[in-house]
Every structure is written in C-alpha cells, then in structure tokens.
Amino acid sequence: MTLGDVKAIFFYASLFPAFIDISALTLPDISTILLITAVTVGGIKLVYAYTATKIMLMGKELAIENKARLVSGCLMVGAGTYLITKT
C-alpha cells in the first residue's frame, strides 16, 4: 500500500484551479496545497492500514482466520462463476 498515491494526489490537485485563482498563487501557497493534498490522501491510507491491522489481529484472536479465508474465497469464486455464466 502506498501512502503517496500519485494518481489520487494529481486528481485532487487538478480540482484546485476550479476553486483557487492560479495567477495569485505564491510559492508558499503552492507548497501548502501540495502538503495538504499529500497528507489527506496519505492520512486516509494510514487509516485503512490501521483498520486492516486491527481486523487481522481480531481475526487471529478469535481463531477464525482460516474460516474467513474459506468463506471469502467461496464468495469470490461464486461471484466469478455468476459473472461468467451471466449472459
């Protein structure tokens, strides 16, 4: 998992010209915008990583890791089979 998702950062940064007068920006303004964009995109990914770690630890404590893998695998195979047979 990357903390600096370049595609997401460029996407959000591309929205700024709709809200900010580009000709009035100074170097500190640009660096602030880039920093805020990187922190918000990276911050969300940190929350995702933290949540995934907690869920993994909870699954190990409850000893359901293999059952969860089996159920999720069956769901994925079932969904794939459905999509292949659907015409």
N, C-alpha and C. Protein backbone atom coordinates (compact mmCIF):
# COMPACT_ATOMS: atom_id res chain seq x y z
N MET A 1 0.85 -1.16 0.00
CA MET A 1 0.00 0.00 0.00
C MET A 1 0.91 1.24 0.00
N THR A 2 0.60 2.13 -0.89
CA THR A 2 1.39 3.34 -0.94
C THR A 2 0.72 4.45 -0.14
N LEU A 3 1.51 5.22 0.55
CA LEU A 3 0.95 6.34 1.30
C LEU A 3 0.83 7.58 0.44
N GLY A 4 1.59 7.64 -0.63
CA GLY A 4 1.50 8.78 -1.53
C GLY A 4 0.94 8.33 -2.87
N ASP A 5 -0.33 8.07 -2.94
CA ASP A 5 -0.98 7.62 -4.17
C ASP A 5 -0.94 8.76 -5.18
N VAL A 6 -0.03 8.64 -6.13
CA VAL A 6 0.23 9.72 -7.07
C VAL A 6 -1.01 10.05 -7.89
N LYS A 7 -1.76 9.02 -8.33
CA LYS A 7 -2.95 9.29 -9.13
C LYS A 7 -3.99 10.07 -8.33
N ALA A 8 -4.19 9.71 -7.10
CA ALA A 8 -5.17 10.42 -6.27
C ALA A 8 -4.70 11.83 -5.97
N ILE A 9 -3.42 12.01 -5.70
CA ILE A 9 -2.89 13.34 -5.42
C ILE A 9 -3.07 14.24 -6.64
N PHE A 10 -2.74 13.73 -7.83
CA PHE A 10 -2.91 14.54 -9.05
C PHE A 10 -4.38 14.84 -9.31
N PHE A 11 -5.26 13.87 -9.02
CA PHE A 11 -6.69 14.10 -9.23
C PHE A 11 -7.18 15.24 -8.35
N TYR A 12 -6.89 15.17 -7.06
CA TYR A 12 -7.34 16.21 -6.15
C TYR A 12 -6.68 17.55 -6.45
N ALA A 13 -5.41 17.51 -6.80
CA ALA A 13 -4.71 18.75 -7.13
C ALA A 13 -5.27 19.38 -8.40
N SER A 14 -5.77 18.55 -9.30
CA SER A 14 -6.34 19.10 -10.54
C SER A 14 -7.66 19.81 -10.29
N LEU A 15 -8.29 19.55 -9.15
CA LEU A 15 -9.54 20.23 -8.83
C LEU A 15 -9.31 21.63 -8.26
N PHE A 16 -8.13 21.91 -7.76
CA PHE A 16 -7.86 23.20 -7.13
C PHE A 16 -8.07 24.40 -8.05
N PRO A 17 -7.71 24.33 -9.34
CA PRO A 17 -7.93 25.52 -10.19
C PRO A 17 -9.39 25.94 -10.28
N ALA A 18 -10.30 25.06 -10.01
CA ALA A 18 -11.72 25.42 -10.04
C ALA A 18 -12.09 26.27 -8.82
N PHE A 19 -11.30 26.20 -7.77
CA PHE A 19 -11.62 26.90 -6.53
C PHE A 19 -10.65 28.02 -6.16
N ILE A 20 -9.47 28.01 -6.78
CA ILE A 20 -8.41 28.95 -6.40
C ILE A 20 -7.93 29.69 -7.64
N ASP A 21 -7.67 30.98 -7.51
CA ASP A 21 -7.12 31.78 -8.60
C ASP A 21 -5.64 31.43 -8.76
N ILE A 22 -5.32 30.72 -9.82
CA ILE A 22 -3.96 30.23 -10.03
C ILE A 22 -2.96 31.38 -10.19
N SER A 23 -3.37 32.46 -10.83
CA SER A 23 -2.44 33.56 -11.09
C SER A 23 -2.03 34.28 -9.80
N ALA A 24 -2.81 34.13 -8.73
CA ALA A 24 -2.49 34.81 -7.47
C ALA A 24 -1.69 33.94 -6.51
N LEU A 25 -1.34 32.72 -6.90
CA LEU A 25 -0.61 31.82 -6.01
C LEU A 25 0.85 32.20 -5.91
N THR A 26 1.38 32.04 -4.71
CA THR A 26 2.81 32.22 -4.48
C THR A 26 3.41 30.85 -4.17
N LEU A 27 4.72 30.79 -4.09
CA LEU A 27 5.39 29.52 -3.80
C LEU A 27 4.94 28.91 -2.47
N PRO A 28 4.82 29.69 -1.38
CA PRO A 28 4.31 29.11 -0.13
C PRO A 28 2.88 28.57 -0.27
N ASP A 29 2.05 29.23 -1.06
CA ASP A 29 0.69 28.75 -1.27
C ASP A 29 0.70 27.39 -1.99
N ILE A 30 1.53 27.27 -3.01
CA ILE A 30 1.62 26.03 -3.77
C ILE A 30 2.12 24.90 -2.88
N SER A 31 3.16 25.17 -2.09
CA SER A 31 3.69 24.11 -1.22
C SER A 31 2.67 23.72 -0.15
N THR A 32 1.89 24.67 0.34
CA THR A 32 0.84 24.36 1.32
C THR A 32 -0.23 23.48 0.70
N ILE A 33 -0.64 23.80 -0.50
CA ILE A 33 -1.65 23.00 -1.20
C ILE A 33 -1.14 21.58 -1.44
N LEU A 34 0.11 21.45 -1.90
CA LEU A 34 0.68 20.12 -2.13
C LEU A 34 0.80 19.33 -0.83
N LEU A 35 1.20 19.98 0.24
CA LEU A 35 1.32 19.31 1.53
C LEU A 35 -0.04 18.83 2.04
N ILE A 36 -1.04 19.69 1.95
CA ILE A 36 -2.39 19.31 2.41
C ILE A 36 -2.92 18.14 1.59
N THR A 37 -2.71 18.18 0.28
CA THR A 37 -3.18 17.09 -0.58
C THR A 37 -2.49 15.78 -0.23
N ALA A 38 -1.17 15.80 -0.06
CA ALA A 38 -0.43 14.58 0.27
C ALA A 38 -0.82 14.04 1.63
N VAL A 39 -1.00 14.92 2.62
CA VAL A 39 -1.37 14.48 3.97
C VAL A 39 -2.77 13.88 3.99
N THR A 40 -3.71 14.50 3.28
CA THR A 40 -5.07 13.97 3.31
C THR A 40 -5.16 12.63 2.59
N VAL A 41 -4.53 12.51 1.43
CA VAL A 41 -4.56 11.22 0.72
C VAL A 41 -3.80 10.16 1.52
N GLY A 42 -2.61 10.50 2.00
CA GLY A 42 -1.84 9.56 2.81
C GLY A 42 -2.50 9.25 4.13
N GLY A 43 -3.16 10.24 4.73
CA GLY A 43 -3.85 10.02 6.01
C GLY A 43 -4.97 9.00 5.89
N ILE A 44 -5.71 9.07 4.80
CA ILE A 44 -6.78 8.10 4.58
C ILE A 44 -6.20 6.71 4.43
N LYS A 45 -5.10 6.59 3.71
CA LYS A 45 -4.48 5.27 3.55
C LYS A 45 -3.92 4.75 4.88
N LEU A 46 -3.42 5.64 5.72
CA LEU A 46 -2.98 5.21 7.05
C LEU A 46 -4.13 4.68 7.87
N VAL A 47 -5.29 5.32 7.77
CA VAL A 47 -6.48 4.83 8.48
C VAL A 47 -6.87 3.46 7.95
N TYR A 48 -6.81 3.26 6.63
CA TYR A 48 -7.12 1.95 6.05
C TYR A 48 -6.16 0.89 6.56
N ALA A 49 -4.87 1.20 6.60
CA ALA A 49 -3.87 0.24 7.06
C ALA A 49 -4.07 -0.10 8.53
N TYR A 50 -4.35 0.91 9.34
CA TYR A 50 -4.57 0.70 10.77
C TYR A 50 -5.81 -0.19 10.99
N THR A 51 -6.88 0.11 10.26
CA THR A 51 -8.10 -0.69 10.40
C THR A 51 -7.87 -2.13 9.96
N ALA A 52 -7.16 -2.32 8.86
CA ALA A 52 -6.87 -3.67 8.38
C ALA A 52 -6.04 -4.46 9.39
N THR A 53 -5.08 -3.79 10.03
CA THR A 53 -4.27 -4.45 11.05
C THR A 53 -5.12 -4.87 12.24
N LYS A 54 -6.00 -3.99 12.68
CA LYS A 54 -6.88 -4.32 13.81
C LYS A 54 -7.78 -5.49 13.47
N ILE A 55 -8.32 -5.51 12.26
CA ILE A 55 -9.20 -6.61 11.85
C ILE A 55 -8.42 -7.92 11.78
N MET A 56 -7.18 -7.87 11.28
CA MET A 56 -6.36 -9.08 11.24
C MET A 56 -6.09 -9.61 12.64
N LEU A 57 -5.74 -8.71 13.55
CA LEU A 57 -5.45 -9.14 14.92
C LEU A 57 -6.70 -9.69 15.59
N MET A 58 -7.84 -9.08 15.34
CA MET A 58 -9.09 -9.57 15.91
C MET A 58 -9.42 -10.95 15.37
N GLY A 59 -9.16 -11.15 14.06
CA GLY A 59 -9.42 -12.46 13.47
C GLY A 59 -8.52 -13.54 14.05
N LYS A 60 -7.27 -13.19 14.34
CA LYS A 60 -6.35 -14.17 14.93
C LYS A 60 -6.75 -14.49 16.37
N GLU A 61 -7.22 -13.49 17.09
CA GLU A 61 -7.66 -13.73 18.47
C GLU A 61 -8.88 -14.64 18.52
N LEU A 62 -9.74 -14.52 17.54
CA LEU A 62 -10.96 -15.33 17.51
C LEU A 62 -10.76 -16.66 16.80
N ALA A 63 -9.57 -16.89 16.26
CA ALA A 63 -9.24 -18.13 15.57
C ALA A 63 -10.21 -18.41 14.42
N ILE A 64 -10.52 -17.39 13.66
CA ILE A 64 -11.43 -17.58 12.52
C ILE A 64 -10.74 -17.27 11.20
N GLU A 65 -9.43 -17.17 11.23
CA GLU A 65 -8.70 -16.76 10.03
C GLU A 65 -8.94 -17.72 8.87
N ASN A 66 -8.80 -19.02 9.09
CA ASN A 66 -8.98 -19.99 8.01
C ASN A 66 -10.43 -20.03 7.53
N LYS A 67 -11.37 -19.91 8.45
CA LYS A 67 -12.77 -19.92 8.06
C LYS A 67 -13.11 -18.67 7.25
N ALA A 68 -12.55 -17.54 7.64
CA ALA A 68 -12.79 -16.30 6.91
C ALA A 68 -12.21 -16.38 5.51
N ARG A 69 -11.04 -16.97 5.38
CA ARG A 69 -10.44 -17.15 4.05
C ARG A 69 -11.30 -18.07 3.20
N LEU A 70 -11.79 -19.13 3.79
CA LEU A 70 -12.63 -20.08 3.05
C LEU A 70 -13.92 -19.41 2.58
N VAL A 71 -14.57 -18.68 3.47
CA VAL A 71 -15.82 -18.01 3.12
C VAL A 71 -15.58 -16.95 2.05
N SER A 72 -14.54 -16.13 2.23
CA SER A 72 -14.29 -15.09 1.23
C SER A 72 -13.88 -15.69 -0.10
N GLY A 73 -13.11 -16.76 -0.08
CA GLY A 73 -12.75 -17.45 -1.33
C GLY A 73 -13.96 -18.01 -2.04
N CYS A 74 -14.86 -18.62 -1.28
CA CYS A 74 -16.08 -19.17 -1.87
C CYS A 74 -16.95 -18.05 -2.46
N LEU A 75 -17.03 -16.92 -1.76
CA LEU A 75 -17.79 -15.79 -2.30
C LEU A 75 -17.19 -15.26 -3.59
N MET A 76 -15.88 -15.19 -3.64
CA MET A 76 -15.23 -14.70 -4.86
C MET A 76 -15.41 -15.68 -6.02
N VAL A 77 -15.27 -16.97 -5.75
CA VAL A 77 -15.48 -17.97 -6.80
C VAL A 77 -16.94 -17.95 -7.26
N GLY A 78 -17.85 -17.83 -6.31
CA GLY A 78 -19.26 -17.75 -6.66
C GLY A 78 -19.59 -16.53 -7.50
N ALA A 79 -19.02 -15.39 -7.14
CA ALA A 79 -19.26 -14.16 -7.90
C ALA A 79 -18.66 -14.28 -9.30
N GLY A 80 -17.48 -14.84 -9.41
CA GLY A 80 -16.85 -15.04 -10.71
C GLY A 80 -17.64 -16.00 -11.57
N THR A 81 -18.12 -17.09 -10.98
CA THR A 81 -18.95 -18.05 -11.71
C THR A 81 -20.23 -17.40 -12.20
N TYR A 82 -20.84 -16.61 -11.35
CA TYR A 82 -22.07 -15.90 -11.73
C TYR A 82 -21.81 -14.97 -12.92
N LEU A 83 -20.72 -14.22 -12.87
CA LEU A 83 -20.41 -13.29 -13.95
C LEU A 83 -20.07 -14.01 -15.25
N ILE A 84 -19.43 -15.16 -15.16
CA ILE A 84 -19.09 -15.93 -16.37
C ILE A 84 -20.35 -16.50 -16.99
N THR A 85 -21.26 -17.03 -16.19
CA THR A 85 -22.46 -17.68 -16.73
C THR A 85 -23.56 -16.71 -17.10
N LYS A 86 -23.47 -15.49 -16.61
CA LYS A 86 -24.50 -14.49 -16.89
C LYS A 86 -24.34 -13.99 -18.34
N THR A 87 -25.39 -14.10 -19.10
CA THR A 87 -25.35 -13.59 -20.48
C THR A 87 -26.53 -12.74 -20.81
